[in-house]
Amino acid sequence: MDIGTLTVVPDELRQFAALAPLATVTPVSGTVQATPPLAGPMPESATVEAHVRFCVENTGTVTLQATNGIATLIDAALSIAGRFESTDQSNAITHRALADELPTATD
């Protein structure tokens, strides 16, 4: 199954790129470039939380990419968001809960 490649701008995402095995995160483009269902412009704020929200809201139908990649990305965002505004942390926790509701690749 082809899960595509995820490319984003924010340098802050590079510090946990290794934690997201299905997402290659590099500061090359302002657009998420992937096979459907993840495709489209990144939010202007380009914060970790905004990136996570964008991914969760744009997954559409559940895919292997959304199931295996987004949960790890959100976990990393939780640790980073704790150092910023409480709103970021609250939103990241909410999105982690949403990711927990996705079926796993083994379901």
N, C-alpha and C. Protein backbone atom coordinates (compact mmCIF):
# COMPACT_ATOMS: atom_id res chain seq x y z
N MET A 1 0.84 -1.18 0.00
CA MET A 1 0.00 0.00 0.00
C MET A 1 0.88 1.24 0.00
N ASP A 2 0.68 2.12 -0.95
CA ASP A 2 1.45 3.36 -1.03
C ASP A 2 0.84 4.38 -0.08
N ILE A 3 1.65 4.86 0.86
CA ILE A 3 1.12 5.81 1.84
C ILE A 3 1.59 7.22 1.58
N GLY A 4 2.44 7.43 0.60
CA GLY A 4 2.85 8.78 0.23
C GLY A 4 3.91 9.36 1.13
N THR A 5 4.21 10.63 0.90
CA THR A 5 5.23 11.36 1.65
C THR A 5 4.64 12.66 2.15
N LEU A 6 4.99 13.03 3.37
CA LEU A 6 4.50 14.27 3.97
C LEU A 6 5.65 15.26 4.04
N THR A 7 5.49 16.42 3.42
CA THR A 7 6.54 17.44 3.42
C THR A 7 5.98 18.73 3.98
N VAL A 8 6.64 19.30 4.99
CA VAL A 8 6.14 20.51 5.63
C VAL A 8 7.27 21.50 5.88
N VAL A 9 6.92 22.74 6.20
CA VAL A 9 7.90 23.80 6.39
C VAL A 9 8.52 23.90 7.78
N PRO A 10 7.74 23.90 8.85
CA PRO A 10 8.25 24.34 10.15
C PRO A 10 9.49 23.59 10.63
N ASP A 11 10.52 24.36 11.00
CA ASP A 11 11.74 23.76 11.54
C ASP A 11 11.46 23.02 12.84
N GLU A 12 10.47 23.51 13.61
CA GLU A 12 10.18 22.88 14.89
C GLU A 12 9.71 21.43 14.73
N LEU A 13 9.19 21.10 13.55
CA LEU A 13 8.75 19.73 13.32
C LEU A 13 9.93 18.77 13.10
N ARG A 14 11.05 19.32 12.67
CA ARG A 14 12.20 18.45 12.37
C ARG A 14 12.70 17.72 13.61
N GLN A 15 12.53 18.34 14.79
CA GLN A 15 13.07 17.73 16.00
C GLN A 15 12.39 16.42 16.36
N PHE A 16 11.17 16.18 15.83
CA PHE A 16 10.57 14.88 16.09
C PHE A 16 10.22 14.13 14.81
N ALA A 17 10.87 14.50 13.72
CA ALA A 17 10.61 13.81 12.46
C ALA A 17 10.89 12.32 12.56
N ALA A 18 11.92 11.97 13.33
CA ALA A 18 12.27 10.56 13.46
C ALA A 18 11.19 9.77 14.18
N LEU A 19 10.32 10.45 14.92
CA LEU A 19 9.27 9.76 15.66
C LEU A 19 8.06 9.44 14.79
N ALA A 20 8.02 10.00 13.59
CA ALA A 20 6.89 9.76 12.70
C ALA A 20 7.37 8.94 11.50
N PRO A 21 7.42 7.62 11.63
CA PRO A 21 8.02 6.77 10.61
C PRO A 21 7.35 6.85 9.24
N LEU A 22 6.09 7.23 9.19
CA LEU A 22 5.41 7.29 7.90
C LEU A 22 5.36 8.69 7.33
N ALA A 23 6.02 9.64 8.01
CA ALA A 23 6.02 11.02 7.53
C ALA A 23 7.46 11.52 7.44
N THR A 24 7.88 11.93 6.25
CA THR A 24 9.19 12.53 6.08
C THR A 24 9.02 14.03 6.22
N VAL A 25 9.55 14.60 7.30
CA VAL A 25 9.33 16.01 7.60
C VAL A 25 10.59 16.80 7.29
N THR A 26 10.53 17.67 6.30
CA THR A 26 11.68 18.49 5.92
C THR A 26 11.21 19.91 5.61
N PRO A 27 12.03 20.93 5.90
CA PRO A 27 11.62 22.32 5.65
C PRO A 27 11.83 22.71 4.19
N VAL A 28 11.05 22.12 3.31
CA VAL A 28 11.24 22.33 1.88
C VAL A 28 10.09 23.10 1.26
N SER A 29 8.88 22.80 1.67
CA SER A 29 7.71 23.36 1.00
C SER A 29 6.65 23.77 1.99
N GLY A 30 5.79 24.71 1.61
CA GLY A 30 4.69 25.13 2.46
C GLY A 30 3.44 24.32 2.21
N THR A 31 3.57 23.24 1.51
CA THR A 31 2.41 22.43 1.16
C THR A 31 2.63 20.99 1.60
N VAL A 32 1.58 20.39 2.12
CA VAL A 32 1.64 18.96 2.40
C VAL A 32 1.46 18.25 1.07
N GLN A 33 2.48 17.51 0.67
CA GLN A 33 2.44 16.83 -0.61
C GLN A 33 2.39 15.33 -0.36
N ALA A 34 1.25 14.74 -0.57
CA ALA A 34 1.10 13.32 -0.28
C ALA A 34 0.04 12.73 -1.17
N THR A 35 0.02 11.41 -1.18
CA THR A 35 -1.09 10.77 -1.86
C THR A 35 -2.34 11.03 -1.04
N PRO A 36 -3.51 11.04 -1.67
CA PRO A 36 -4.74 11.26 -0.91
C PRO A 36 -4.82 10.28 0.25
N PRO A 37 -5.41 10.64 1.38
CA PRO A 37 -6.23 11.82 1.55
C PRO A 37 -5.50 13.03 2.14
N LEU A 38 -4.19 12.98 2.36
CA LEU A 38 -3.48 14.13 2.92
C LEU A 38 -2.90 14.98 1.79
N ALA A 39 -3.51 16.11 1.51
CA ALA A 39 -3.00 17.01 0.49
C ALA A 39 -3.62 18.38 0.69
N GLY A 40 -2.85 19.43 0.45
CA GLY A 40 -3.39 20.78 0.59
C GLY A 40 -2.41 21.70 1.28
N PRO A 41 -2.74 23.00 1.34
CA PRO A 41 -1.84 23.96 1.96
C PRO A 41 -1.80 23.82 3.48
N MET A 42 -0.64 24.06 4.05
CA MET A 42 -0.51 24.05 5.51
C MET A 42 -1.15 25.30 6.08
N PRO A 43 -1.64 25.23 7.33
CA PRO A 43 -2.16 26.43 7.98
C PRO A 43 -1.06 27.49 8.11
N GLU A 44 -1.44 28.76 8.05
CA GLU A 44 -0.46 29.85 8.10
C GLU A 44 0.35 29.85 9.39
N SER A 45 -0.28 29.50 10.51
CA SER A 45 0.42 29.56 11.79
C SER A 45 1.58 28.58 11.85
N ALA A 46 1.46 27.47 11.17
CA ALA A 46 2.53 26.47 11.05
C ALA A 46 3.10 26.05 12.40
N THR A 47 2.27 26.04 13.45
CA THR A 47 2.72 25.52 14.74
C THR A 47 2.57 24.01 14.71
N VAL A 48 3.18 23.35 15.68
CA VAL A 48 3.04 21.90 15.76
C VAL A 48 1.57 21.53 15.89
N GLU A 49 0.86 22.24 16.76
CA GLU A 49 -0.56 21.94 16.97
C GLU A 49 -1.36 22.15 15.69
N ALA A 50 -1.04 23.22 14.96
CA ALA A 50 -1.76 23.50 13.72
C ALA A 50 -1.50 22.40 12.70
N HIS A 51 -0.27 21.91 12.68
CA HIS A 51 0.07 20.82 11.76
C HIS A 51 -0.72 19.56 12.10
N VAL A 52 -0.76 19.26 13.41
CA VAL A 52 -1.49 18.07 13.85
C VAL A 52 -2.97 18.21 13.52
N ARG A 53 -3.54 19.38 13.80
CA ARG A 53 -4.95 19.61 13.52
C ARG A 53 -5.23 19.46 12.02
N PHE A 54 -4.34 20.02 11.21
CA PHE A 54 -4.49 19.92 9.75
C PHE A 54 -4.52 18.46 9.32
N CYS A 55 -3.59 17.68 9.84
CA CYS A 55 -3.52 16.27 9.45
C CYS A 55 -4.77 15.51 9.88
N VAL A 56 -5.22 15.76 11.13
CA VAL A 56 -6.39 15.05 11.63
C VAL A 56 -7.64 15.43 10.83
N GLU A 57 -7.79 16.73 10.56
CA GLU A 57 -8.99 17.20 9.86
C GLU A 57 -8.99 16.83 8.38
N ASN A 58 -7.83 16.53 7.81
CA ASN A 58 -7.76 16.25 6.39
C ASN A 58 -7.53 14.78 6.05
N THR A 59 -7.63 13.90 7.04
CA THR A 59 -7.44 12.49 6.74
C THR A 59 -8.62 11.91 5.99
N GLY A 60 -9.82 12.46 6.22
CA GLY A 60 -10.99 11.93 5.52
C GLY A 60 -11.22 10.49 5.91
N THR A 61 -11.19 9.61 4.94
CA THR A 61 -11.36 8.20 5.26
C THR A 61 -10.11 7.68 5.95
N VAL A 62 -10.29 6.73 6.83
CA VAL A 62 -9.16 6.19 7.59
C VAL A 62 -8.26 5.38 6.65
N THR A 63 -6.98 5.66 6.70
CA THR A 63 -6.02 4.92 5.88
C THR A 63 -4.87 4.46 6.77
N LEU A 64 -4.03 3.62 6.22
CA LEU A 64 -2.86 3.17 6.95
C LEU A 64 -2.00 4.35 7.37
N GLN A 65 -1.89 5.36 6.50
CA GLN A 65 -1.08 6.53 6.81
C GLN A 65 -1.64 7.26 8.02
N ALA A 66 -2.93 7.49 8.02
CA ALA A 66 -3.55 8.21 9.13
C ALA A 66 -3.43 7.41 10.42
N THR A 67 -3.63 6.11 10.32
CA THR A 67 -3.63 5.26 11.50
C THR A 67 -2.26 5.14 12.13
N ASN A 68 -1.25 4.85 11.33
CA ASN A 68 0.07 4.59 11.88
C ASN A 68 0.92 5.84 12.04
N GLY A 69 0.72 6.84 11.21
CA GLY A 69 1.56 8.03 11.26
C GLY A 69 1.07 9.11 12.19
N ILE A 70 -0.23 9.39 12.19
CA ILE A 70 -0.73 10.55 12.92
C ILE A 70 -0.64 10.37 14.43
N ALA A 71 -0.85 9.17 14.94
CA ALA A 71 -0.78 8.96 16.38
C ALA A 71 0.61 9.27 16.92
N THR A 72 1.64 8.84 16.20
CA THR A 72 3.00 9.11 16.63
C THR A 72 3.31 10.59 16.54
N LEU A 73 2.84 11.22 15.47
CA LEU A 73 3.05 12.65 15.31
C LEU A 73 2.38 13.44 16.43
N ILE A 74 1.17 13.04 16.79
CA ILE A 74 0.45 13.72 17.87
C ILE A 74 1.15 13.51 19.20
N ASP A 75 1.64 12.30 19.46
CA ASP A 75 2.37 12.06 20.70
C ASP A 75 3.55 13.01 20.82
N ALA A 76 4.28 13.19 19.73
CA ALA A 76 5.42 14.10 19.74
C ALA A 76 4.95 15.54 19.95
N ALA A 77 3.84 15.90 19.32
CA ALA A 77 3.31 17.25 19.48
C ALA A 77 2.89 17.52 20.91
N LEU A 78 2.41 16.51 21.61
CA LEU A 78 2.01 16.69 23.00
C LEU A 78 3.18 17.14 23.86
N SER A 79 4.33 16.52 23.68
CA SER A 79 5.49 16.89 24.49
C SER A 79 5.99 18.28 24.15
N ILE A 80 5.91 18.66 22.88
CA ILE A 80 6.35 19.99 22.47
C ILE A 80 5.33 21.05 22.89
N ALA A 81 4.05 20.74 22.73
CA ALA A 81 3.00 21.72 23.06
C ALA A 81 3.01 22.09 24.53
N GLY A 82 3.46 21.19 25.38
CA GLY A 82 3.52 21.48 26.81
C GLY A 82 4.43 22.64 27.14
N ARG A 83 5.34 22.97 26.23
CA ARG A 83 6.26 24.08 26.46
C ARG A 83 5.73 25.39 25.90
N PHE A 84 4.58 25.35 25.25
CA PHE A 84 4.01 26.55 24.66
C PHE A 84 2.70 26.89 25.36
N GLU A 85 1.75 27.44 24.64
CA GLU A 85 0.49 27.84 25.25
C GLU A 85 -0.34 26.63 25.64
N SER A 86 -1.11 26.81 26.72
CA SER A 86 -1.95 25.70 27.19
C SER A 86 -2.99 25.30 26.16
N THR A 87 -3.40 26.24 25.31
CA THR A 87 -4.36 25.93 24.25
C THR A 87 -3.77 24.89 23.30
N ASP A 88 -2.49 25.04 22.96
CA ASP A 88 -1.83 24.07 22.09
C ASP A 88 -1.85 22.68 22.73
N GLN A 89 -1.55 22.63 24.02
CA GLN A 89 -1.51 21.34 24.70
C GLN A 89 -2.91 20.72 24.75
N SER A 90 -3.90 21.54 25.06
CA SER A 90 -5.28 21.05 25.12
C SER A 90 -5.73 20.51 23.77
N ASN A 91 -5.42 21.24 22.71
CA ASN A 91 -5.79 20.80 21.36
C ASN A 91 -5.07 19.52 20.97
N ALA A 92 -3.79 19.43 21.32
CA ALA A 92 -3.02 18.23 20.98
C ALA A 92 -3.59 17.01 21.70
N ILE A 93 -4.00 17.19 22.96
CA ILE A 93 -4.61 16.09 23.72
C ILE A 93 -5.91 15.65 23.06
N THR A 94 -6.69 16.62 22.63
CA THR A 94 -7.96 16.31 21.94
C THR A 94 -7.71 15.51 20.68
N HIS A 95 -6.71 15.91 19.89
CA HIS A 95 -6.41 15.21 18.64
C HIS A 95 -5.82 13.83 18.90
N ARG A 96 -5.10 13.69 20.01
CA ARG A 96 -4.58 12.37 20.37
C ARG A 96 -5.76 11.43 20.65
N ALA A 97 -6.77 11.96 21.35
CA ALA A 97 -7.95 11.15 21.64
C ALA A 97 -8.66 10.74 20.35
N LEU A 98 -8.71 11.66 19.39
CA LEU A 98 -9.32 11.34 18.09
C LEU A 98 -8.53 10.25 17.38
N ALA A 99 -7.22 10.34 17.45
CA ALA A 99 -6.38 9.33 16.80
C ALA A 99 -6.59 7.96 17.44
N ASP A 100 -6.83 7.95 18.76
CA ASP A 100 -7.06 6.68 19.45
C ASP A 100 -8.32 5.98 18.95
N GLU A 101 -9.25 6.76 18.39
CA GLU A 101 -10.49 6.19 17.89
C GLU A 101 -10.34 5.57 16.49
N LEU A 102 -9.23 5.87 15.82
CA LEU A 102 -9.01 5.30 14.49
C LEU A 102 -8.69 3.81 14.62
N PRO A 103 -9.18 3.00 13.70
CA PRO A 103 -8.80 1.59 13.72
C PRO A 103 -7.31 1.46 13.43
N THR A 104 -6.67 0.47 14.01
CA THR A 104 -5.25 0.27 13.74
C THR A 104 -5.09 -0.48 12.42
N ALA A 105 -3.86 -0.51 11.94
CA ALA A 105 -3.59 -1.18 10.66
C ALA A 105 -3.86 -2.68 10.75
N THR A 106 -3.90 -3.20 11.97
CA THR A 106 -4.13 -4.63 12.14
C THR A 106 -5.60 -4.97 12.33
N ASP A 107 -6.47 -3.93 12.43
CA ASP A 107 -7.91 -4.19 12.62
C ASP A 107 -8.52 -4.79 11.36
